[in-house]
């Protein structure tokens, strides 16, 4: 799977993670004097290069931007991670360690600049887990379109995956999870033009996703299990005990996003975190917006909102 680098990500290279993964790393330097750094974490069954437009926008507002392909995605390779999998064992720990390696690289290259971690969907789960591990080193975290609900449906999905792993193995695509996720989300739009209309109202963006060979594939049983481990960790209040309560947080969802129950999962996470004492949190559910907020018809306003928030965070908090 050779990753493609569109205009907007002028820097590409490799970073060897302590896990042994060779990360496909993209970067966009800030225009003019840099005020901070944003580290992007992409979602499931996509890749970092899809965030080129956001990277260029943030760079124009004074941020260095870094993004890498997670294990099993895009151009990243790892000896213990078959395609479409984080790894055969403890992949969730390794994907967090990989993201931590990028974070460490940022700290080395840009000492003194505040760092904001951003994540969309699965990337939002990764960003939230990085908050649990690294909050003293973060100025802020933007967790977008992520579902951290660990209720009955999640428990049922984990049971299904345990059975599939026993019967089929860990490296094969799950047979049942796509029916409960991507296919179910597609059915939320009866008048859909394609199976991926749940991503965006913009048909051009939907068609680009469908045409991209690095997008839209079925995840392995092991990858789904790792995703639910990230969810379970973020769903337990006890895991937030050491997280700074003044950490700047930006939670976003879409009113028509079936993956987050119309944004309600985002609102529940915001409620939980406020209840735990997080005092510097903003949450927004954009009207009519579907899952890929950054590829929606209102993307310019959404990116402006993110950049304004990030600038306020960078100006308010000195780097740790």
Protein backbone atom coordinates (compact mmCIF):
# COMPACT_ATOMS: atom_id res chain seq x y z
CA UNK A 1 0.00 0.00 0.00
CA UNK A 2 1.97 3.00 -1.24
CA UNK A 3 0.72 6.24 0.26
CA UNK A 4 0.11 9.20 -2.02
CA UNK A 5 1.15 12.70 -0.98
CA UNK A 6 -1.09 15.43 -2.42
CA UNK A 7 -0.32 19.12 -2.56
CA UNK A 8 -0.55 20.54 0.95
CA UNK A 9 1.85 18.12 2.64
CA UNK A 10 5.22 19.33 1.34
CA UNK A 11 7.30 17.18 3.70
CA UNK A 12 7.35 13.38 3.73
CA UNK A 13 9.68 10.96 5.42
CA UNK A 14 9.99 7.98 7.72
CA UNK A 15 10.28 7.66 11.47
CA UNK A 16 11.34 4.41 13.12
CA UNK A 17 9.23 3.89 16.23
CA UNK A 18 10.53 2.07 19.33
CA UNK A 19 7.90 -0.57 18.50
CA UNK A 20 9.78 -1.43 15.30
CA UNK A 21 7.23 0.20 13.02
CA UNK A 22 8.50 2.38 10.18
CA UNK A 23 6.04 5.26 10.24
CA UNK A 24 5.11 7.11 7.06
CA UNK A 25 5.35 10.68 8.36
CA UNK A 26 4.02 13.82 6.70
CA UNK A 27 4.65 17.41 7.70
CA UNK A 28 3.70 20.96 6.85
CA UNK A 29 5.83 23.80 8.27
CA UNK A 30 4.16 26.90 9.60
CA UNK A 31 4.10 30.00 7.46
CA UNK A 32 5.97 32.79 9.19
CA UNK A 33 6.67 32.62 12.90
CA UNK A 34 5.32 29.42 14.42
CA UNK A 35 3.02 29.67 17.43
CA UNK A 36 2.52 25.93 18.03
CA UNK A 37 2.37 22.41 16.64
CA UNK A 38 -0.63 20.24 15.77
CA UNK A 39 -0.22 16.46 15.66
CA UNK A 40 -2.94 14.79 13.53
CA UNK A 41 -4.22 11.25 14.06
CA UNK A 42 -6.33 9.88 11.19
CA UNK A 43 -9.32 7.54 11.40
CA UNK A 44 -10.01 3.91 10.55
CA UNK A 45 -9.49 2.67 6.98
CA UNK A 46 -7.97 5.91 5.71
CA UNK A 47 -4.55 7.61 5.92
CA UNK A 48 -2.77 10.80 6.94
CA UNK A 49 -2.51 12.36 3.48
CA UNK A 50 -6.27 12.96 3.52
CA UNK A 51 -5.61 15.74 6.04
CA UNK A 52 -3.51 17.82 3.64
CA UNK A 53 -6.16 20.52 3.39
CA UNK A 54 -6.36 20.90 7.18
CA UNK A 55 -2.57 20.91 7.43
CA UNK A 56 -2.24 23.70 4.87
CA UNK A 57 -4.95 25.72 6.64
CA UNK A 58 -3.35 25.35 10.06
CA UNK A 59 0.09 26.14 8.63
CA UNK A 60 -1.33 29.38 7.23
CA UNK A 61 -2.38 30.25 10.80
CA UNK A 62 1.09 29.65 12.24
CA UNK A 63 1.18 25.96 13.19
CA UNK A 64 3.66 23.29 12.27
CA UNK A 65 1.63 20.19 11.41
CA UNK A 66 2.63 16.53 11.65
CA UNK A 67 0.61 13.47 10.62
CA UNK A 68 1.54 9.82 10.27
CA UNK A 69 -0.10 6.66 8.98
CA UNK A 70 -1.04 4.35 11.82
CA UNK A 71 -0.05 0.70 11.83
CA UNK A 72 -1.86 -1.29 9.16
CA UNK A 73 -2.73 1.90 7.27
CA UNK A 74 -1.25 3.82 4.36
CA UNK A 75 2.50 3.66 3.93
CA UNK A 76 3.46 2.60 7.47
CA UNK A 77 4.95 -0.87 7.90
CA UNK A 78 5.63 -2.96 10.98
CA UNK A 79 7.01 -6.50 11.24
CA UNK A 80 4.31 -7.52 13.73
CA UNK A 81 1.38 -5.78 12.01
CA UNK A 82 -0.23 -7.38 8.95
CA UNK A 83 -2.05 -4.97 6.63
CA UNK A 84 -5.27 -3.62 8.16
CA UNK A 85 -4.15 -4.51 11.68
CA UNK A 86 -2.33 -2.70 14.50
CA UNK A 87 -0.60 -5.95 15.43
CA UNK A 88 -1.34 -9.52 16.41
CA UNK A 89 -0.86 -8.84 20.13
CA UNK A 90 -1.35 -5.61 22.13
CA UNK A 91 -1.69 -3.56 18.96
CA UNK A 92 -3.47 -0.81 20.84
CA UNK A 93 -0.43 -0.27 23.06
CA UNK A 94 1.85 -0.19 20.02
CA UNK A 95 -0.26 2.30 18.07
CA UNK A 96 -0.12 4.62 21.11
CA UNK A 97 3.64 4.12 21.36
CA UNK A 98 3.98 5.03 17.68
CA UNK A 99 1.99 8.22 18.19
CA UNK A 100 4.15 8.90 21.24
CA UNK A 101 7.26 8.59 19.07
CA UNK A 102 5.90 11.30 16.76
CA UNK A 103 5.13 13.42 19.81
CA UNK A 104 8.71 12.96 21.05
CA UNK A 105 10.05 13.95 17.62
CA UNK A 106 7.96 17.13 17.73
CA UNK A 107 9.33 17.98 21.18
CA UNK A 108 12.88 17.53 19.90
CA UNK A 109 12.38 19.58 16.75
CA UNK A 110 10.27 22.35 18.27
CA UNK A 111 11.25 22.85 21.92
CA UNK A 112 9.27 25.59 23.57
CA UNK A 113 6.25 25.40 21.25
CA UNK A 114 2.91 24.22 22.67
CA UNK A 115 1.62 20.97 21.15
CA UNK A 116 -2.01 20.17 20.38
CA UNK A 117 -3.03 16.61 19.52
CA UNK A 118 -5.90 16.20 17.05
CA UNK A 119 -7.78 13.02 16.20
CA UNK A 120 -10.75 12.11 14.01
CA UNK A 121 -12.94 9.08 14.79
CA UNK A 122 -10.52 6.21 15.55
CA UNK A 123 -7.85 8.93 15.66
CA UNK A 124 -9.98 10.66 18.29
CA UNK A 125 -9.77 7.53 20.42
CA UNK A 126 -6.00 7.56 19.99
CA UNK A 127 -5.85 11.27 20.87
CA UNK A 128 -7.94 10.70 24.00
CA UNK A 129 -5.66 7.85 25.07
CA UNK A 130 -2.64 10.09 24.51
CA UNK A 131 -4.29 12.58 26.85
CA UNK A 132 -4.44 9.85 29.51
CA UNK A 133 -0.70 9.20 29.10
CA UNK A 134 0.80 12.57 28.22
CA UNK A 135 -1.34 15.44 29.49
CA UNK A 136 1.59 17.26 31.20
CA UNK A 137 3.24 17.61 27.77
CA UNK A 138 0.12 18.74 25.90
CA UNK A 139 -1.34 22.21 25.58
CA UNK A 140 -4.61 20.85 24.21
CA UNK A 141 -6.47 18.00 22.56
CA UNK A 142 -9.11 18.08 19.81
CA UNK A 143 -11.18 14.88 19.86
CA UNK A 144 -13.51 14.82 16.88
CA UNK A 145 -16.27 12.42 15.83
CA UNK A 146 -15.18 9.76 18.32
CA UNK A 147 -17.51 7.37 20.10
CA UNK A 148 -16.28 6.36 23.56
CA UNK A 149 -19.47 4.56 24.58
CA UNK A 150 -18.78 1.18 26.22
CA UNK A 151 -22.36 0.04 26.84
CA UNK A 152 -24.33 -3.05 25.87
CA UNK A 153 -23.68 -2.70 22.13
CA UNK A 154 -19.93 -2.45 22.71
CA UNK A 155 -19.95 -5.48 25.01
CA UNK A 156 -21.86 -7.46 22.40
CA UNK A 157 -19.36 -6.43 19.71
CA UNK A 158 -16.45 -7.55 21.89
CA UNK A 159 -18.11 -10.93 22.41
CA UNK A 160 -18.58 -11.30 18.65
CA UNK A 161 -14.92 -10.47 18.05
CA UNK A 162 -13.75 -12.97 20.65
CA UNK A 163 -15.77 -15.68 18.88
CA UNK A 164 -14.45 -14.61 15.46
CA UNK A 165 -10.87 -14.65 16.67
CA UNK A 166 -11.32 -18.16 18.02
CA UNK A 167 -13.03 -19.44 14.86
CA UNK A 168 -11.32 -17.43 12.11
CA UNK A 169 -8.08 -16.00 13.50
CA UNK A 170 -6.90 -12.47 14.20
CA UNK A 171 -5.61 -11.34 10.79
CA UNK A 172 -8.74 -11.92 8.70
CA UNK A 173 -11.42 -9.24 8.22
CA UNK A 174 -14.26 -9.39 10.70
CA UNK A 175 -17.41 -10.74 9.08
CA UNK A 176 -19.91 -9.21 11.47
CA UNK A 177 -18.45 -5.86 12.61
CA UNK A 178 -18.80 -4.21 9.16
CA UNK A 179 -22.52 -5.02 9.30
CA UNK A 180 -22.80 -3.37 12.71
CA UNK A 181 -20.75 -0.30 11.75
CA UNK A 182 -20.09 0.87 8.17
CA UNK A 183 -23.07 -0.95 6.65
CA UNK A 184 -25.43 0.08 9.45
CA UNK A 185 -24.28 3.68 9.16
CA UNK A 186 -24.93 3.59 5.41
CA UNK A 187 -28.53 2.49 6.07
CA UNK A 188 -29.09 5.63 8.13
CA UNK A 189 -29.49 7.44 4.78
CA UNK A 190 -32.26 5.66 2.83
CA UNK A 191 -31.82 7.93 -0.22
CA UNK A 192 -28.07 7.38 -0.35
CA UNK A 193 -26.23 7.56 -3.66
CA UNK A 194 -23.36 5.36 -2.42
CA UNK A 195 -22.54 3.16 0.57
CA UNK A 196 -20.38 5.96 1.97
CA UNK A 197 -22.80 8.89 1.90
CA UNK A 198 -22.75 8.77 5.71
CA UNK A 199 -19.30 10.36 5.55
CA UNK A 200 -20.26 13.70 3.98
CA UNK A 201 -22.93 15.67 2.12
CA UNK A 202 -20.31 16.57 -0.47
CA UNK A 203 -20.48 14.00 -3.31
CA UNK A 204 -17.02 14.98 -4.57
CA UNK A 205 -15.45 14.09 -1.22
CA UNK A 206 -17.40 10.83 -1.02
CA UNK A 207 -16.26 9.85 -4.50
CA UNK A 208 -12.65 10.65 -3.64
CA UNK A 209 -12.87 8.36 -0.65
CA UNK A 210 -14.36 5.54 -2.71
CA UNK A 211 -11.72 5.93 -5.43
CA UNK A 212 -8.85 5.89 -2.93
CA UNK A 213 -7.37 2.36 -2.69
CA UNK A 214 -6.12 3.16 0.81
CA UNK A 215 -9.63 3.85 2.12
CA UNK A 216 -12.82 1.96 2.87
CA UNK A 217 -11.39 -1.50 3.53
CA UNK A 218 -12.66 -4.00 6.12
CA UNK A 219 -10.61 -4.06 9.33
CA UNK A 220 -9.21 -7.28 10.75
CA UNK A 221 -10.61 -8.97 13.84
CA UNK A 222 -7.50 -7.92 15.78
CA UNK A 223 -7.83 -4.27 14.72
CA UNK A 224 -11.46 -4.13 15.85
CA UNK A 225 -10.47 -5.66 19.18
CA UNK A 226 -7.76 -3.03 19.63
CA UNK A 227 -10.24 -0.24 18.83
CA UNK A 228 -12.56 -1.51 21.55
CA UNK A 229 -9.65 -1.62 23.99
CA UNK A 230 -9.02 2.06 23.27
CA UNK A 231 -12.73 2.73 23.83
CA UNK A 232 -12.80 0.84 27.13
CA UNK A 233 -9.78 2.74 28.41
CA UNK A 234 -11.35 6.10 27.53
CA UNK A 235 -14.73 5.07 28.95
CA UNK A 236 -13.43 4.49 32.50
CA UNK A 237 -13.36 7.62 34.65
CA UNK A 238 -10.68 6.12 36.89
CA UNK A 239 -8.17 6.37 34.04
CA UNK A 240 -8.41 10.17 34.08
CA UNK A 241 -7.06 10.52 37.61
CA UNK A 242 -3.67 11.94 36.63
CA UNK A 243 -4.88 14.12 33.74
CA UNK A 244 -4.57 17.89 34.22
CA UNK A 245 -8.03 19.36 34.78
CA UNK A 246 -7.05 22.61 33.04
CA UNK A 247 -6.07 20.88 29.78
CA UNK A 248 -7.72 22.62 26.82
CA UNK A 249 -10.17 20.22 25.15
CA UNK A 250 -12.15 20.59 21.92
CA UNK A 251 -14.84 17.97 21.29
CA UNK A 252 -16.72 17.96 17.97
CA UNK A 253 -19.49 15.88 16.43
CA UNK A 254 -22.00 16.02 13.63
CA UNK A 255 -25.77 16.14 14.03
CA UNK A 256 -26.20 13.61 11.19
CA UNK A 257 -23.26 11.36 12.04
CA UNK A 258 -24.53 7.81 12.62
CA UNK A 259 -21.13 6.70 13.97
CA UNK A 260 -21.63 8.93 17.04
CA UNK A 261 -25.41 8.56 17.29
CA UNK A 262 -26.00 11.98 15.80
CA UNK A 263 -23.34 13.59 17.99
CA UNK A 264 -24.87 12.31 21.21
CA UNK A 265 -21.80 10.22 22.00
CA UNK A 266 -19.70 13.40 21.76
CA UNK A 267 -22.08 15.24 24.10
CA UNK A 268 -21.93 12.35 26.59
CA UNK A 269 -18.14 12.46 26.60
CA UNK A 270 -18.22 16.23 27.16
CA UNK A 271 -20.68 15.75 30.05
CA UNK A 272 -18.47 13.07 31.61
CA UNK A 273 -15.35 15.18 31.39
CA UNK A 274 -17.03 18.28 32.81
CA UNK A 275 -18.36 16.15 35.64
CA UNK A 276 -14.79 14.97 36.31
CA UNK A 277 -13.72 18.61 36.68
CA UNK A 278 -12.28 19.51 33.27
CA UNK A 279 -12.76 23.26 33.27
CA UNK A 280 -11.33 24.24 29.88
CA UNK A 281 -13.55 22.26 27.52
CA UNK A 282 -15.60 23.32 24.51
CA UNK A 283 -17.92 20.97 22.65
CA UNK A 284 -19.79 21.51 19.39
CA UNK A 285 -22.24 19.40 17.40
CA UNK A 286 -22.47 20.95 13.96
CA UNK A 287 -26.00 20.97 12.43
CA UNK A 288 -26.64 18.62 9.48
CA UNK A 289 -22.99 17.54 9.51
CA UNK A 290 -22.08 13.89 8.91
CA UNK A 291 -19.06 11.88 10.03
CA UNK A 292 -16.10 13.50 8.25
CA UNK A 293 -16.48 17.03 9.52
CA UNK A 294 -13.34 18.18 7.74
CA UNK A 295 -14.66 16.97 4.38
CA UNK A 296 -18.16 18.36 4.81
CA UNK A 297 -19.80 21.23 2.95
CA UNK A 298 -19.20 23.50 5.98
CA UNK A 299 -15.50 22.57 6.23
CA UNK A 300 -14.19 26.13 5.87
CA UNK A 301 -16.16 27.31 8.89
CA UNK A 302 -15.19 24.18 10.81
CA UNK A 303 -11.48 24.62 10.09
CA UNK A 304 -11.69 28.27 11.06
CA UNK A 305 -13.29 27.32 14.38
CA UNK A 306 -10.53 24.79 15.04
CA UNK A 307 -7.76 27.24 14.13
CA UNK A 308 -9.27 29.99 16.32
CA UNK A 309 -9.45 27.60 19.27
CA UNK A 310 -5.91 26.35 18.68
CA UNK A 311 -4.55 29.90 18.49
CA UNK A 312 -6.24 30.79 21.76
CA UNK A 313 -4.74 27.66 23.37
CA UNK A 314 -1.26 28.40 22.02
CA UNK A 315 -1.35 32.01 23.19
CA UNK A 316 -2.72 31.17 26.62
CA UNK A 317 -0.54 28.28 27.68
CA UNK A 318 3.25 28.16 27.51
CA UNK A 319 4.81 24.88 26.45
CA UNK A 320 5.38 22.41 29.31
